[in-house]
Every structure is written in C-alpha cells, then in structure tokens.
Amino acid sequence: MITKENIMEIVGNYDLDNISIATVCSHSSLQIFDGARKEGFKTIGICVKQPPRFYDAFPLAKPDEFIVVDSYQDIPNIVDELVAKNAIVIPHGSFVEYLGINKFAELAVPTFGNRAVLEWESDREMEREWLEGAGIHMPKQIKPEDIDGPVMVKYHGAKGGRGFFIAKNQDEFEEHVDPNEKYTIQEFIVGTRYYLHYFYSPLQEEGYQLSEGILQMLSMDRRVESNADEIFRLGSPKELENADIHPTYVVTGNVPLVARESLLPLIFELGDRVVEESIKLFGGMIGPFCLETVFTDQLEIKVFEISARIVAGTNIYPNGSPYSDFVEPGLSTGKRIAQEIRAAIDSKQLDKILS
C-alpha cells in the first residue's frame, strides 16, 4: 500500500485553492459531485469508454469534466493527470470493487479516508475480529458441517449482494456455493434490516465526542433486493422450493427509514465502539461508514457487516435526511465529505483525512 508520507508529498505540491474532487461515475457519484460543487470544488468524473449520458439530465450533479478510460483496470494510468488537476479521490463501493483492493491501495493519488481500512473491511474474518473486538453483537459464524437451520452465505468484498444465498443444511450449501470464492457463513437473524449511515470526523470538536473528533448519524435506509423482496408473492416457501425458485439478494434500490428515538443511544454506542476500535487497530477510519444491522423484536441490534465508506443508501437523501437536517438543513453525505475536506484545507490538517 502506498504510504501516507508519499501521499502527503504529493499534496505538498498541490494548489490548495484549486482542489478537484474525483470519483468513478457510479454508485454515489451524483451526490458526491453535487456536494463538492456546493462547497466550491471542481469535480472530475472517471468513466469507461464515454461519459454516461444520464449526467446531462442532472446538471447540478454533472462533473465539470470527465476522464475517460478503456476499462476500470486502466485507472492507474491516469494518476499523473489526476495529480496535475490537484485531485482528491473519493472512494465508494463500485470504485473499490471495479478497480480491485490491491490496485486501489497503491493508487498514487490523495484519497479521502484511511486506505488501511480496505483490508479490514473486505476480508470477512478480519472484519469480524474488528467488530467483535469492539464488543459488537454479530450473527454466529457457522461451519458447513454444523448448518442445522437457515444461514446466510456471503462472499468477501463489496458485491452488492450478488451471489449471496440462504442454505438450510450442508447439502444446500454445497449445491450453491462457489468453491473458488472466499465466503462466510452466518446464522440467519430474523428481524428488520437497518443500514445506519454514520460520519466520523477527526477534525471537529463539537458534537458527539469520541477520544478524538466526533461521530455523526446522517441517515438510515433499507435495501431493496431482487428477487428476495417480491418472491413470496408467488407462493409459500415450500411451493417456491418445489418450483425450484430461490431468493436472490442483488441490491436494486433503497428505501428511507427512521428508527424509534429510544434506540438512538444504542445506535450511537455501536458507532462509537466501532470507530474507537478502528483507531486502535489501524489508525482509524475517516468519514462516512455504514453498519449493516438487523433490529430484533427484543430491540437488540445485531451487526452483520460494515462498509467503511459512503454507501449507496445515502443516495436517498441528496437534500438531507430526518437526522442530518438536525445537524444542518439539506446536508447530504456527499456534501459532508466535501465539508470535511474544506475544513482540513482551511485548518492545514489534510494529513488527518487523506491517505
């Protein structure tokens, strides 16, 4: 992985009055570009083959310029061009998945956040070590031979739910698993899925204070998954099984949510613990992150995954959520990222938020 010293050497040659915000044209790019523009930054969209036409329909979120590559694997070839434009890269799920963790870790362009988190986030065993070390309640991890009820099988990395499946016994697991992929088997928790969107700032001092900086809750969502959210219109689970129809979990969209207010202390406690443990393990994750959870009927919150970057569920709230509006009216996660970069420039603390 490229070192922070290398990155800060690059930043040392930047014109800080002409910073550009760059990201791949996918995932959460519309709000990233919109938020950057609202904070006075130029914007750069990285795209494959040609600029996507849909940006023409959204002029406030259209990047100021595009850099076109033949494939995502060619992004390292435009490093010099990005640096010449004083670019700061904003990672998101598609960016990291398309380029690959190893290539992203070596990308010689200043990046918002701590790249050390990528290894901990993408490897489900390391992720479990992180979350359990923070005292987080997680679904039990199960071996194939011990499956005696519904389990969720997940592959490593950010795949938008693609390939995930439920198995009720070892035979079903072996029938559907891809032996060429790294996977994790978790007990299936019955409850309501909540995706909690936080923001950790090492720069601010006023707010929900941590050992260093503050924690914010910006929004929540629930994912719409195809075909799992509609499949049972066709019949009972037994009828579907007899028809060889099985649920799939590819994310196709997102639905806004709010939690009952009495749960907010626990929600903040979870975020607090995860950030503090990240500081101990790898120097802390910076900026937006998401705890992917199940709320049970006993009002327990089980965390089954973490995404240590902006997630697509925040796209529901380009002009603020019921939570971020209590921080600042109209505050999106994309704008909040840009604000943190602006604050770091003004206070000469870019080293605290870039890697």
Foldseek 3Di string as FASTA:
>chain_A
DDDLVLLVVLLVPAPLVAEEEEEEPDFQQQLLQLLLVVLPYAYEYEYEPDDDPVVVVVVSRRGPYYDYDNALCCVLVCLVVCSVRNYEYADDQCNCVRNDLVVVLVRNHKYFKDSVCVVCAQDLVSVCVLLVVLVAAAFDWDDQQPQQAWKWKAFGGRDQQFLIFIDRHSVRCVVRDDPVTDITIGHDDDFDKKKWKKFFAQPDDPDCDAPGGHMATFFMKDFDFPPVVPVCVVDDPVVCVVVVHGGGGRTDGIGGDDDPPVCVVVVVSSVRSSQVSQCVPPNGIHTMKIFIWGQHPVRGIHTHHMGRHDGSNLSVQSQGDPRCVVVPGGDGSSSVSSVSVVVCSVVVNVSSTID
